[in-house]
Structures are given as C-alpha cells and as structure tokens.
Amino acid sequence: MNIHAEGRILFQGDSVTDAGRDRNQPNHLGEGYVKMIAEKWGNTMTILNRGISGNTSADMAKRWQEDAISLQPDVVTILIGINDTWRSFDAWQDTSVSAFKAIYEQVLKETRDKTNAQIILMEPFVLPWPEDRKEWRSDLDPKIQVVRELAAAYQTGFIPLDGLLNQAGIQYGAATIAADGVHPTATGHALIADIWMDYFQRMCQ
C-alpha cells in the first residue's frame, strides 16, 4: 500500500478513540492511542481523530459524511461497538446484531463509494474486570463476529483487538490494561498504539 507523505490517516470511534480530545480544535488528538501513534510517526503524515465519547455505531454513522467522507482520508481506522453493548445493559436499548451489521456495512459502503481510503477495522473489546463485564460477552461477541465478517467481505485491514488486549490482560492483569474493562489506561493506550503501528507497517510493506 502506497500512502503519500502528505496523506491523511483518520481514526474513528467512541471514547476509546476520543480520549478527551478538544472537539473545538480539529487537529487535537486527545490523550490516548491516537496521540501516541502521532508521536511515534514522526513525519509529515496528517493524523486526525474524530472519535466521540459515548457514540454507538448509529451515532457514528449519522456524522460519517462530515467526520469522514468530507475529510477524504487516505486511511481510515474504525473502532466502534462497545457502546452498542453497553447501552443494552445500562439503558436497555435495542442494539441487535442485525442492526449493528446493517449500520456498519452502510458506513463501509459509503467509504468505498465516496473515498479512496484504505480501511482498517479494529474489533471492539471488553476485558473481564470488574466482574460484571463478563456478562457483556454474550452481547459483544456476536458484534465482534460481525466486524470479522465485514472485514472479510470488504477485504479491509483487520486488527483482532479484543483477543490481543485480553491476552495482555491475562499476562499483566485486566485492570492494568483497562481499569473498567473498557477505557484503556495509559498502558492500554500504549499497547493499542503499538498494535496499530505494527499492523500498519506490515500492511504498507
């Protein structure tokens, strides 16, 4: 994959990507893995963060024209889905697998039709801490499977983030990676940054 030096890499998603960014400053990257990637990158590539805390897949889809298509990225990485699961537990919202798939697929279709961007999908994830997060697996696992199926169907890049972070959680302790099972610690964000950089570098070879 050839990405020109002045190209744009866009990161999209929810609070994991948002990481406290100042939305009044279009170039603010937040304090998480996106900022860490930009610091590691060290060249002229433009990195953009348009993650919004609390977003479900439907929320992201509603702003896709403004926050993705209009930016005409060369690469777009999507990490979405945990709030689709979370809302089904704390607000009893209907976040069915079929709806998640339809919304996600529409985003991919629009991206393919209206940009030339390379697409990288990252699995949404949850770690088994606190204890009640284990109950979320029954809802999240089918959504992770949707992301895998869409990555295969659309021949996108794919990062199995749920498996990789849970592997790290086994080794170092889940709370070390994400104190509430969802929002990464500094260690967790650094791990995501390293995972993405390693994947992207291999993708570009």
N, C-alpha and C. Protein backbone atom coordinates (compact mmCIF):
# COMPACT_ATOMS: atom_id res chain seq x y z
N MET A 1 0.85 -1.19 0.00
CA MET A 1 0.00 0.00 0.00
C MET A 1 0.88 1.23 0.00
N ASN A 2 0.64 2.13 -0.92
CA ASN A 2 1.42 3.36 -1.02
C ASN A 2 0.61 4.53 -0.48
N ILE A 3 1.12 5.15 0.58
CA ILE A 3 0.49 6.33 1.17
C ILE A 3 1.47 7.49 0.99
N HIS A 4 1.04 8.54 0.29
CA HIS A 4 1.96 9.64 0.06
C HIS A 4 2.25 10.39 1.36
N ALA A 5 3.37 11.07 1.39
CA ALA A 5 3.88 11.66 2.63
C ALA A 5 2.94 12.69 3.23
N GLU A 6 2.11 13.33 2.39
CA GLU A 6 1.18 14.32 2.92
C GLU A 6 -0.21 13.73 3.13
N GLY A 7 -0.30 12.43 3.17
CA GLY A 7 -1.59 11.77 3.28
C GLY A 7 -2.24 11.97 4.64
N ARG A 8 -3.50 11.51 4.73
CA ARG A 8 -4.29 11.67 5.95
C ARG A 8 -4.70 10.31 6.50
N ILE A 9 -4.45 10.11 7.78
CA ILE A 9 -4.91 8.92 8.49
C ILE A 9 -5.96 9.37 9.48
N LEU A 10 -7.16 8.83 9.35
CA LEU A 10 -8.30 9.19 10.19
C LEU A 10 -8.62 8.06 11.15
N PHE A 11 -8.81 8.40 12.42
CA PHE A 11 -9.24 7.44 13.42
C PHE A 11 -10.66 7.79 13.84
N GLN A 12 -11.54 6.79 13.80
CA GLN A 12 -12.95 6.99 14.11
C GLN A 12 -13.42 6.02 15.18
N GLY A 13 -14.36 6.48 16.01
CA GLY A 13 -14.89 5.58 17.02
C GLY A 13 -15.57 6.31 18.15
N ASP A 14 -15.39 5.76 19.35
CA ASP A 14 -16.07 6.26 20.54
C ASP A 14 -15.05 6.81 21.53
N SER A 15 -15.31 6.67 22.83
CA SER A 15 -14.44 7.27 23.84
C SER A 15 -13.04 6.68 23.85
N VAL A 16 -12.89 5.44 23.44
CA VAL A 16 -11.55 4.84 23.41
C VAL A 16 -10.66 5.61 22.44
N THR A 17 -11.24 6.04 21.34
CA THR A 17 -10.51 6.83 20.35
C THR A 17 -10.49 8.31 20.74
N ASP A 18 -11.62 8.83 21.18
CA ASP A 18 -11.75 10.23 21.60
C ASP A 18 -10.68 10.59 22.62
N ALA A 19 -10.64 9.86 23.70
CA ALA A 19 -9.62 10.01 24.75
C ALA A 19 -9.44 11.46 25.19
N GLY A 20 -10.56 12.16 25.36
CA GLY A 20 -10.52 13.50 25.90
C GLY A 20 -10.08 14.58 24.94
N ARG A 21 -10.24 14.36 23.65
CA ARG A 21 -9.81 15.39 22.70
C ARG A 21 -10.67 16.64 22.80
N ASP A 22 -10.11 17.78 22.45
CA ASP A 22 -10.82 19.04 22.42
C ASP A 22 -11.49 19.17 21.06
N ARG A 23 -12.81 18.99 21.03
CA ARG A 23 -13.52 18.99 19.74
C ARG A 23 -13.61 20.36 19.11
N ASN A 24 -13.24 21.40 19.84
CA ASN A 24 -13.18 22.74 19.26
C ASN A 24 -11.90 22.98 18.47
N GLN A 25 -10.98 22.04 18.59
CA GLN A 25 -9.71 22.11 17.85
C GLN A 25 -9.63 20.90 16.92
N PRO A 26 -9.86 21.10 15.63
CA PRO A 26 -9.93 19.98 14.69
C PRO A 26 -8.70 19.08 14.68
N ASN A 27 -7.55 19.64 15.03
CA ASN A 27 -6.32 18.85 14.98
C ASN A 27 -5.92 18.25 16.32
N HIS A 28 -6.77 18.45 17.35
CA HIS A 28 -6.45 17.88 18.66
C HIS A 28 -6.67 16.38 18.61
N LEU A 29 -5.75 15.64 19.17
CA LEU A 29 -5.75 14.18 19.04
C LEU A 29 -6.18 13.45 20.29
N GLY A 30 -6.54 14.20 21.37
CA GLY A 30 -6.85 13.52 22.62
C GLY A 30 -5.58 13.10 23.33
N GLU A 31 -5.74 12.28 24.36
CA GLU A 31 -4.60 11.87 25.18
C GLU A 31 -4.38 10.36 25.16
N GLY A 32 -4.91 9.72 24.11
CA GLY A 32 -4.83 8.26 24.07
C GLY A 32 -3.99 7.72 22.93
N TYR A 33 -4.41 6.59 22.40
CA TYR A 33 -3.59 5.87 21.43
C TYR A 33 -3.36 6.65 20.14
N VAL A 34 -4.32 7.49 19.74
CA VAL A 34 -4.14 8.27 18.51
C VAL A 34 -2.98 9.25 18.67
N LYS A 35 -2.94 9.94 19.79
CA LYS A 35 -1.83 10.86 20.06
C LYS A 35 -0.51 10.10 20.11
N MET A 36 -0.52 8.93 20.72
CA MET A 36 0.70 8.14 20.82
C MET A 36 1.19 7.70 19.45
N ILE A 37 0.26 7.35 18.57
CA ILE A 37 0.63 6.97 17.20
C ILE A 37 1.26 8.16 16.50
N ALA A 38 0.64 9.34 16.65
CA ALA A 38 1.17 10.54 16.01
C ALA A 38 2.58 10.85 16.51
N GLU A 39 2.81 10.66 17.80
CA GLU A 39 4.14 10.91 18.36
C GLU A 39 5.16 9.91 17.85
N LYS A 40 4.72 8.67 17.64
CA LYS A 40 5.62 7.65 17.13
C LYS A 40 5.90 7.85 15.64
N TRP A 41 4.92 8.43 14.93
CA TRP A 41 5.00 8.53 13.47
C TRP A 41 6.17 9.39 13.04
N GLY A 42 6.23 10.60 13.56
CA GLY A 42 7.38 11.45 13.34
C GLY A 42 7.65 11.84 11.90
N ASN A 43 6.59 12.00 11.08
CA ASN A 43 6.80 12.50 9.71
C ASN A 43 5.67 13.46 9.34
N THR A 44 5.51 13.73 8.09
CA THR A 44 4.56 14.76 7.67
C THR A 44 3.14 14.25 7.50
N MET A 45 2.88 13.00 7.72
CA MET A 45 1.54 12.45 7.60
C MET A 45 0.59 13.18 8.54
N THR A 46 -0.58 13.55 8.05
CA THR A 46 -1.59 14.20 8.87
C THR A 46 -2.44 13.13 9.55
N ILE A 47 -2.51 13.20 10.88
CA ILE A 47 -3.33 12.26 11.65
C ILE A 47 -4.49 13.01 12.26
N LEU A 48 -5.69 12.49 12.06
CA LEU A 48 -6.92 13.12 12.52
C LEU A 48 -7.68 12.19 13.45
N ASN A 49 -8.25 12.75 14.49
CA ASN A 49 -9.06 11.99 15.44
C ASN A 49 -10.47 12.57 15.43
N ARG A 50 -11.44 11.72 15.10
CA ARG A 50 -12.84 12.14 15.14
C ARG A 50 -13.69 11.20 15.99
N GLY A 51 -13.04 10.49 16.91
CA GLY A 51 -13.80 9.69 17.86
C GLY A 51 -14.63 10.58 18.77
N ILE A 52 -15.81 10.13 19.14
CA ILE A 52 -16.67 10.88 20.05
C ILE A 52 -17.13 9.97 21.18
N SER A 53 -16.84 10.38 22.40
CA SER A 53 -17.19 9.60 23.57
C SER A 53 -18.69 9.32 23.61
N GLY A 54 -19.04 8.10 23.91
CA GLY A 54 -20.43 7.70 24.04
C GLY A 54 -21.08 7.24 22.76
N ASN A 55 -20.40 7.39 21.64
CA ASN A 55 -21.01 7.03 20.35
C ASN A 55 -21.26 5.54 20.22
N THR A 56 -22.43 5.22 19.71
CA THR A 56 -22.73 3.89 19.21
C THR A 56 -22.44 3.87 17.72
N SER A 57 -22.61 2.74 17.09
CA SER A 57 -22.41 2.66 15.64
C SER A 57 -23.39 3.58 14.92
N ALA A 58 -24.62 3.67 15.41
CA ALA A 58 -25.63 4.54 14.78
C ALA A 58 -25.24 6.00 14.90
N ASP A 59 -24.71 6.40 16.06
CA ASP A 59 -24.26 7.78 16.25
C ASP A 59 -23.15 8.11 15.26
N MET A 60 -22.20 7.21 15.14
CA MET A 60 -21.08 7.43 14.23
C MET A 60 -21.56 7.54 12.79
N ALA A 61 -22.49 6.68 12.41
CA ALA A 61 -22.99 6.68 11.04
C ALA A 61 -23.66 8.00 10.68
N LYS A 62 -24.35 8.61 11.64
CA LYS A 62 -25.06 9.87 11.38
C LYS A 62 -24.11 11.01 11.04
N ARG A 63 -22.89 10.94 11.54
CA ARG A 63 -21.92 12.01 11.29
C ARG A 63 -20.85 11.60 10.29
N TRP A 64 -21.05 10.50 9.60
CA TRP A 64 -20.00 9.95 8.74
C TRP A 64 -19.64 10.88 7.59
N GLN A 65 -20.63 11.54 7.00
CA GLN A 65 -20.33 12.45 5.89
C GLN A 65 -19.42 13.58 6.37
N GLU A 66 -19.76 14.20 7.49
CA GLU A 66 -18.98 15.33 7.99
C GLU A 66 -17.64 14.92 8.55
N ASP A 67 -17.63 13.82 9.31
CA ASP A 67 -16.43 13.46 10.07
C ASP A 67 -15.56 12.41 9.40
N ALA A 68 -15.95 11.99 8.20
CA ALA A 68 -15.11 11.02 7.49
C ALA A 68 -15.05 11.31 5.99
N ILE A 69 -16.19 11.23 5.32
CA ILE A 69 -16.20 11.40 3.86
C ILE A 69 -15.63 12.75 3.45
N SER A 70 -16.07 13.81 4.11
CA SER A 70 -15.64 15.15 3.73
C SER A 70 -14.15 15.37 3.95
N LEU A 71 -13.54 14.57 4.81
CA LEU A 71 -12.11 14.71 5.09
C LEU A 71 -11.23 14.01 4.06
N GLN A 72 -11.84 13.14 3.25
CA GLN A 72 -11.14 12.40 2.21
C GLN A 72 -9.82 11.81 2.71
N PRO A 73 -9.91 10.93 3.71
CA PRO A 73 -8.68 10.33 4.24
C PRO A 73 -8.08 9.32 3.28
N ASP A 74 -6.79 9.09 3.43
CA ASP A 74 -6.13 8.03 2.69
C ASP A 74 -6.26 6.69 3.42
N VAL A 75 -6.36 6.77 4.73
CA VAL A 75 -6.57 5.60 5.57
C VAL A 75 -7.59 5.97 6.64
N VAL A 76 -8.55 5.09 6.88
CA VAL A 76 -9.48 5.30 7.99
C VAL A 76 -9.52 4.03 8.83
N THR A 77 -9.30 4.22 10.13
CA THR A 77 -9.37 3.12 11.09
C THR A 77 -10.64 3.30 11.92
N ILE A 78 -11.42 2.24 12.05
CA ILE A 78 -12.69 2.29 12.77
C ILE A 78 -12.64 1.35 13.96
N LEU A 79 -12.97 1.90 15.13
CA LEU A 79 -13.09 1.11 16.36
C LEU A 79 -14.41 1.52 17.01
N ILE A 80 -15.44 0.71 16.83
CA ILE A 80 -16.78 1.05 17.33
C ILE A 80 -17.48 -0.23 17.75
N GLY A 81 -18.42 -0.12 18.69
CA GLY A 81 -19.24 -1.27 19.04
C GLY A 81 -19.46 -1.50 20.52
N ILE A 82 -18.50 -1.05 21.36
CA ILE A 82 -18.67 -1.34 22.78
C ILE A 82 -19.86 -0.61 23.37
N ASN A 83 -20.18 0.59 22.87
CA ASN A 83 -21.35 1.29 23.39
C ASN A 83 -22.65 0.67 22.92
N ASP A 84 -22.62 0.00 21.77
CA ASP A 84 -23.80 -0.76 21.35
C ASP A 84 -24.12 -1.84 22.38
N THR A 85 -23.08 -2.44 22.93
CA THR A 85 -23.26 -3.42 24.00
C THR A 85 -23.60 -2.75 25.32
N TRP A 86 -22.87 -1.70 25.67
CA TRP A 86 -23.06 -1.03 26.96
C TRP A 86 -24.50 -0.52 27.11
N ARG A 87 -25.04 0.10 26.03
CA ARG A 87 -26.39 0.65 26.11
C ARG A 87 -27.44 -0.43 26.33
N SER A 88 -27.15 -1.64 25.90
CA SER A 88 -28.12 -2.71 26.11
C SER A 88 -28.14 -3.17 27.57
N PHE A 89 -27.10 -2.79 28.33
CA PHE A 89 -27.04 -3.16 29.74
C PHE A 89 -27.44 -2.02 30.66
N ASP A 90 -27.10 -0.77 30.30
CA ASP A 90 -27.40 0.32 31.24
C ASP A 90 -28.64 1.12 30.86
N ALA A 91 -29.08 1.03 29.60
CA ALA A 91 -30.25 1.80 29.17
C ALA A 91 -31.30 0.93 28.50
N TRP A 92 -31.02 -0.37 28.43
CA TRP A 92 -31.96 -1.33 27.84
C TRP A 92 -32.35 -0.95 26.42
N GLN A 93 -31.41 -0.36 25.69
CA GLN A 93 -31.67 -0.02 24.31
C GLN A 93 -31.51 -1.26 23.43
N ASP A 94 -32.27 -1.28 22.35
CA ASP A 94 -32.18 -2.37 21.39
C ASP A 94 -30.94 -2.17 20.54
N THR A 95 -29.95 -2.99 20.76
CA THR A 95 -28.71 -2.90 19.96
C THR A 95 -28.46 -4.26 19.31
N SER A 96 -29.41 -4.68 18.51
CA SER A 96 -29.36 -6.02 17.92
C SER A 96 -28.17 -6.18 17.00
N VAL A 97 -27.75 -7.42 16.84
CA VAL A 97 -26.63 -7.74 15.96
C VAL A 97 -26.97 -7.37 14.53
N SER A 98 -28.20 -7.63 14.11
CA SER A 98 -28.59 -7.33 12.73
C SER A 98 -28.54 -5.83 12.45
N ALA A 99 -28.98 -5.01 13.42
CA ALA A 99 -28.93 -3.56 13.24
C ALA A 99 -27.49 -3.09 13.21
N PHE A 100 -26.67 -3.63 14.10
CA PHE A 100 -25.24 -3.27 14.13
C PHE A 100 -24.59 -3.57 12.79
N LYS A 101 -24.88 -4.73 12.24
CA LYS A 101 -24.28 -5.13 10.97
C LYS A 101 -24.74 -4.21 9.84
N ALA A 102 -26.03 -3.91 9.80
CA ALA A 102 -26.56 -3.07 8.72
C ALA A 102 -25.95 -1.67 8.75
N ILE A 103 -25.84 -1.11 9.96
CA ILE A 103 -25.27 0.24 10.11
C ILE A 103 -23.79 0.24 9.74
N TYR A 104 -23.05 -0.72 10.24
CA TYR A 104 -21.62 -0.80 9.98
C TYR A 104 -21.37 -0.99 8.48
N GLU A 105 -22.17 -1.86 7.87
CA GLU A 105 -21.97 -2.12 6.44
C GLU A 105 -22.26 -0.88 5.61
N GLN A 106 -23.26 -0.09 6.01
CA GLN A 106 -23.55 1.14 5.29
C GLN A 106 -22.38 2.11 5.36
N VAL A 107 -21.75 2.19 6.52
CA VAL A 107 -20.56 3.04 6.68
C VAL A 107 -19.46 2.59 5.72
N LEU A 108 -19.25 1.28 5.64
CA LEU A 108 -18.21 0.77 4.76
C LEU A 108 -18.55 1.04 3.29
N LYS A 109 -19.81 0.86 2.92
CA LYS A 109 -20.22 1.12 1.54
C LYS A 109 -19.99 2.59 1.17
N GLU A 110 -20.38 3.48 2.07
CA GLU A 110 -20.20 4.90 1.80
C GLU A 110 -18.73 5.25 1.65
N THR A 111 -17.91 4.66 2.50
CA THR A 111 -16.48 4.94 2.46
C THR A 111 -15.89 4.45 1.15
N ARG A 112 -16.27 3.27 0.72
CA ARG A 112 -15.77 2.72 -0.54
C ARG A 112 -16.27 3.52 -1.74
N ASP A 113 -17.52 3.95 -1.68
CA ASP A 113 -18.12 4.66 -2.82
C ASP A 113 -17.63 6.09 -2.96
N LYS A 114 -17.31 6.73 -1.83
CA LYS A 114 -17.07 8.17 -1.85
C LYS A 114 -15.65 8.59 -1.52
N THR A 115 -14.78 7.62 -1.21
CA THR A 115 -13.37 7.94 -0.94
C THR A 115 -12.50 6.85 -1.57
N ASN A 116 -11.21 7.12 -1.56
CA ASN A 116 -10.24 6.10 -1.98
C ASN A 116 -9.48 5.54 -0.78
N ALA A 117 -10.07 5.68 0.38
CA ALA A 117 -9.36 5.34 1.61
C ALA A 117 -9.15 3.83 1.76
N GLN A 118 -7.97 3.48 2.26
CA GLN A 118 -7.75 2.15 2.78
C GLN A 118 -8.46 2.08 4.13
N ILE A 119 -9.11 0.97 4.42
CA ILE A 119 -9.91 0.84 5.64
C ILE A 119 -9.29 -0.22 6.54
N ILE A 120 -9.18 0.13 7.82
CA ILE A 120 -8.72 -0.83 8.84
C ILE A 120 -9.81 -0.92 9.90
N LEU A 121 -10.31 -2.11 10.14
CA LEU A 121 -11.29 -2.33 11.20
C LEU A 121 -10.61 -2.93 12.42
N MET A 122 -10.93 -2.40 13.58
CA MET A 122 -10.44 -2.97 14.83
C MET A 122 -11.64 -3.50 15.62
N GLU A 123 -11.47 -4.68 16.17
CA GLU A 123 -12.54 -5.26 17.00
C GLU A 123 -12.83 -4.38 18.21
N PRO A 124 -14.13 -4.19 18.54
CA PRO A 124 -14.43 -3.64 19.87
C PRO A 124 -14.01 -4.67 20.92
N PHE A 125 -13.79 -4.21 22.13
CA PHE A 125 -13.26 -5.13 23.14
C PHE A 125 -13.86 -4.85 24.50
N VAL A 126 -13.80 -5.85 25.35
CA VAL A 126 -14.09 -5.69 26.77
C VAL A 126 -13.21 -6.67 27.52
N LEU A 127 -12.66 -6.21 28.64
CA LEU A 127 -11.85 -7.08 29.50
C LEU A 127 -12.68 -7.50 30.71
N PRO A 128 -12.37 -8.63 31.30
CA PRO A 128 -13.22 -9.20 32.36
C PRO A 128 -13.01 -8.56 33.73
N TRP A 129 -13.06 -7.23 33.77
CA TRP A 129 -12.92 -6.52 35.03
C TRP A 129 -13.61 -5.18 34.91
N PRO A 130 -14.49 -4.80 35.84
CA PRO A 130 -14.97 -5.56 37.00
C PRO A 130 -15.74 -6.83 36.59
N GLU A 131 -16.13 -7.57 37.56
CA GLU A 131 -16.71 -8.90 37.34
C GLU A 131 -17.91 -8.86 36.40
N ASP A 132 -18.74 -7.81 36.51
CA ASP A 132 -19.96 -7.79 35.69
C ASP A 132 -19.67 -7.65 34.20
N ARG A 133 -18.44 -7.26 33.84
CA ARG A 133 -18.11 -7.14 32.42
C ARG A 133 -18.15 -8.50 31.73
N LYS A 134 -18.00 -9.56 32.49
CA LYS A 134 -18.07 -10.90 31.89
C LYS A 134 -19.43 -11.16 31.26
N GLU A 135 -20.48 -10.54 31.83
CA GLU A 135 -21.83 -10.72 31.30
C GLU A 135 -21.98 -10.08 29.92
N TRP A 136 -21.12 -9.13 29.60
CA TRP A 136 -21.23 -8.41 28.33
C TRP A 136 -20.81 -9.25 27.13
N ARG A 137 -20.09 -10.33 27.40
CA ARG A 137 -19.55 -11.10 26.29
C ARG A 137 -20.66 -11.68 25.41
N SER A 138 -21.78 -12.06 26.02
CA SER A 138 -22.86 -12.65 25.23
C SER A 138 -23.42 -11.68 24.21
N ASP A 139 -23.32 -10.37 24.51
CA ASP A 139 -23.80 -9.36 23.57
C ASP A 139 -22.69 -8.91 22.63
N LEU A 140 -21.47 -8.75 23.16
CA LEU A 140 -20.38 -8.21 22.35
C LEU A 140 -19.81 -9.22 21.37
N ASP A 141 -19.69 -10.46 21.77
CA ASP A 141 -19.05 -11.46 20.91
C ASP A 141 -19.70 -11.56 19.52
N PRO A 142 -21.05 -11.59 19.42
CA PRO A 142 -21.64 -11.62 18.07
C PRO A 142 -21.34 -10.36 17.27
N LYS A 143 -21.19 -9.23 17.93
CA LYS A 143 -20.85 -7.99 17.22
C LYS A 143 -19.39 -8.03 16.75
N ILE A 144 -18.52 -8.62 17.55
CA ILE A 144 -17.15 -8.81 17.09
C ILE A 144 -17.13 -9.70 15.85
N GLN A 145 -17.95 -10.73 15.85
CA GLN A 145 -18.03 -11.62 14.69
C GLN A 145 -18.49 -10.86 13.45
N VAL A 146 -19.41 -9.92 13.63
CA VAL A 146 -19.86 -9.07 12.52
C VAL A 146 -18.68 -8.30 11.93
N VAL A 147 -17.87 -7.71 12.79
CA VAL A 147 -16.71 -6.94 12.32
C VAL A 147 -15.78 -7.85 11.52
N ARG A 148 -15.56 -9.05 11.99
CA ARG A 148 -14.71 -10.00 11.27
C ARG A 148 -15.29 -10.33 9.90
N GLU A 149 -16.60 -10.59 9.87
CA GLU A 149 -17.26 -10.94 8.61
C GLU A 149 -17.21 -9.78 7.62
N LEU A 150 -17.41 -8.56 8.11
CA LEU A 150 -17.37 -7.40 7.22
C LEU A 150 -15.96 -7.14 6.71
N ALA A 151 -14.96 -7.35 7.58
CA ALA A 151 -13.58 -7.19 7.14
C ALA A 151 -13.26 -8.16 6.01
N ALA A 152 -13.77 -9.38 6.12
CA ALA A 152 -13.55 -10.37 5.07
C ALA A 152 -14.33 -10.02 3.81
N ALA A 153 -15.58 -9.62 3.98
CA ALA A 153 -16.43 -9.33 2.82
C ALA A 153 -15.93 -8.13 2.03
N TYR A 154 -15.43 -7.11 2.74
CA TYR A 154 -14.98 -5.88 2.09
C TYR A 154 -13.46 -5.82 1.90
N GLN A 155 -12.80 -6.91 2.29
CA GLN A 155 -11.34 -7.01 2.12
C GLN A 155 -10.63 -5.80 2.70
N THR A 156 -11.01 -5.45 3.93
CA THR A 156 -10.36 -4.36 4.63
C THR A 156 -9.19 -4.89 5.45
N GLY A 157 -8.41 -3.96 6.00
CA GLY A 157 -7.47 -4.35 7.02
C GLY A 157 -8.24 -4.75 8.28
N PHE A 158 -7.62 -5.55 9.12
CA PHE A 158 -8.33 -6.04 10.31
C PHE A 158 -7.34 -6.27 11.45
N ILE A 159 -7.69 -5.76 12.64
CA ILE A 159 -6.88 -5.95 13.84
C ILE A 159 -7.75 -6.61 14.90
N PRO A 160 -7.40 -7.82 15.35
CA PRO A 160 -8.20 -8.55 16.35
C PRO A 160 -7.94 -8.02 17.75
N LEU A 161 -8.40 -6.79 17.99
CA LEU A 161 -8.01 -6.07 19.19
C LEU A 161 -8.54 -6.73 20.47
N ASP A 162 -9.74 -7.28 20.41
CA ASP A 162 -10.30 -7.90 21.61
C ASP A 162 -9.41 -9.04 22.09
N GLY A 163 -9.02 -9.88 21.17
CA GLY A 163 -8.16 -11.00 21.54
C GLY A 163 -6.81 -10.56 22.04
N LEU A 164 -6.21 -9.57 21.38
CA LEU A 164 -4.88 -9.12 21.75
C LEU A 164 -4.87 -8.43 23.11
N LEU A 165 -5.89 -7.60 23.39
CA LEU A 165 -5.93 -6.92 24.68
C LEU A 165 -6.26 -7.89 25.81
N ASN A 166 -7.13 -8.86 25.54
CA ASN A 166 -7.42 -9.85 26.58
C ASN A 166 -6.21 -10.74 26.83
N GLN A 167 -5.43 -11.00 25.81
CA GLN A 167 -4.18 -11.74 26.00
C GLN A 167 -3.26 -10.96 26.93
N ALA A 168 -3.16 -9.65 26.70
CA ALA A 168 -2.32 -8.81 27.56
C ALA A 168 -2.90 -8.75 28.96
N GLY A 169 -4.24 -8.74 29.06
CA GLY A 169 -4.88 -8.72 30.37
C GLY A 169 -4.57 -9.96 31.19
N ILE A 170 -4.48 -11.10 30.53
CA ILE A 170 -4.12 -12.34 31.21
C ILE A 170 -2.69 -12.24 31.74
N GLN A 171 -1.83 -11.66 30.95
CA GLN A 171 -0.42 -11.57 31.32
C GLN A 171 -0.15 -10.54 32.39
N TYR A 172 -0.79 -9.37 32.28
CA TYR A 172 -0.47 -8.25 33.17
C TYR A 172 -1.58 -7.88 34.15
N GLY A 173 -2.75 -8.45 33.95
CA GLY A 173 -3.91 -8.09 34.76
C GLY A 173 -4.84 -7.19 33.98
N ALA A 174 -6.12 -7.53 33.95
CA ALA A 174 -7.08 -6.78 33.13
C ALA A 174 -7.13 -5.31 33.51
N ALA A 175 -7.10 -5.00 34.80
CA ALA A 175 -7.20 -3.62 35.26
C ALA A 175 -5.98 -2.79 34.85
N THR A 176 -4.87 -3.45 34.58
CA THR A 176 -3.68 -2.74 34.09
C THR A 176 -3.90 -2.22 32.69
N ILE A 177 -4.72 -2.93 31.91
CA ILE A 177 -4.99 -2.56 30.52
C ILE A 177 -6.19 -1.60 30.43
N ALA A 178 -7.24 -1.89 31.19
CA ALA A 178 -8.45 -1.04 31.19
C ALA A 178 -9.08 -1.16 32.56
N ALA A 179 -9.03 -0.09 33.33
CA ALA A 179 -9.45 -0.14 34.74
C ALA A 179 -10.91 -0.51 34.91
N ASP A 180 -11.74 -0.15 33.92
CA ASP A 180 -13.16 -0.50 33.99
C ASP A 180 -13.53 -1.53 32.93
N GLY A 181 -12.55 -2.17 32.35
CA GLY A 181 -12.78 -3.18 31.33
C GLY A 181 -12.98 -2.62 29.94
N VAL A 182 -13.16 -1.30 29.84
CA VAL A 182 -13.49 -0.67 28.55
C VAL A 182 -12.51 0.44 28.19
N HIS A 183 -12.31 1.38 29.11
CA HIS A 183 -11.48 2.55 28.83
C HIS A 183 -10.02 2.24 29.16
N PRO A 184 -9.15 2.29 28.18
CA PRO A 184 -7.77 1.91 28.41
C PRO A 184 -7.06 2.85 29.39
N THR A 185 -6.19 2.28 30.18
CA THR A 185 -5.23 3.05 30.97
C THR A 185 -4.16 3.57 30.02
N ALA A 186 -3.20 4.32 30.55
CA ALA A 186 -2.07 4.75 29.72
C ALA A 186 -1.35 3.54 29.13
N THR A 187 -1.24 2.49 29.93
CA THR A 187 -0.62 1.25 29.45
C THR A 187 -1.43 0.64 28.33
N GLY A 188 -2.76 0.64 28.49
CA GLY A 188 -3.64 0.09 27.47
C GLY A 188 -3.58 0.88 26.17
N HIS A 189 -3.59 2.20 26.28
CA HIS A 189 -3.49 3.04 25.08
C HIS A 189 -2.16 2.81 24.37
N ALA A 190 -1.08 2.71 25.14
CA ALA A 190 0.23 2.46 24.54
C ALA A 190 0.25 1.12 23.80
N LEU A 191 -0.42 0.15 24.37
CA LEU A 191 -0.48 -1.16 23.74
C LEU A 191 -1.26 -1.09 22.43
N ILE A 192 -2.41 -0.39 22.43
CA ILE A 192 -3.19 -0.23 21.20
C ILE A 192 -2.36 0.49 20.14
N ALA A 193 -1.66 1.53 20.55
CA ALA A 193 -0.80 2.27 19.61
C ALA A 193 0.25 1.35 18.99
N ASP A 194 0.89 0.53 19.81
CA ASP A 194 1.92 -0.39 19.30
C ASP A 194 1.30 -1.42 18.36
N ILE A 195 0.13 -1.93 18.72
CA ILE A 195 -0.54 -2.92 17.89
C ILE A 195 -0.89 -2.32 16.53
N TRP A 196 -1.43 -1.10 16.54
CA TRP A 196 -1.81 -0.46 15.28
C TRP A 196 -0.58 -0.16 14.43
N MET A 197 0.46 0.38 15.04
CA MET A 197 1.67 0.72 14.29
C MET A 197 2.29 -0.53 13.66
N ASP A 198 2.34 -1.60 14.42
CA ASP A 198 2.91 -2.84 13.89
C ASP A 198 2.09 -3.34 12.71
N TYR A 199 0.76 -3.30 12.85
CA TYR A 199 -0.09 -3.77 11.77
C TYR A 199 0.06 -2.88 10.54
N PHE A 200 0.04 -1.57 10.74
CA PHE A 200 0.09 -0.64 9.62
C PHE A 200 1.41 -0.75 8.87
N GLN A 201 2.49 -0.90 9.60
CA GLN A 201 3.79 -1.03 8.94
C GLN A 201 3.87 -2.30 8.10
N ARG A 202 3.30 -3.38 8.61
CA ARG A 202 3.26 -4.61 7.83
C ARG A 202 2.34 -4.48 6.62
N MET A 203 1.25 -3.74 6.78
CA MET A 203 0.29 -3.51 5.71
C MET A 203 0.91 -2.72 4.57
N CYS A 204 1.84 -1.83 4.91
CA CYS A 204 2.47 -0.96 3.91
C CYS A 204 3.62 -1.64 3.17
N GLN A 205 4.06 -2.78 3.64
CA GLN A 205 5.20 -3.45 3.00
C GLN A 205 4.83 -4.06 1.66
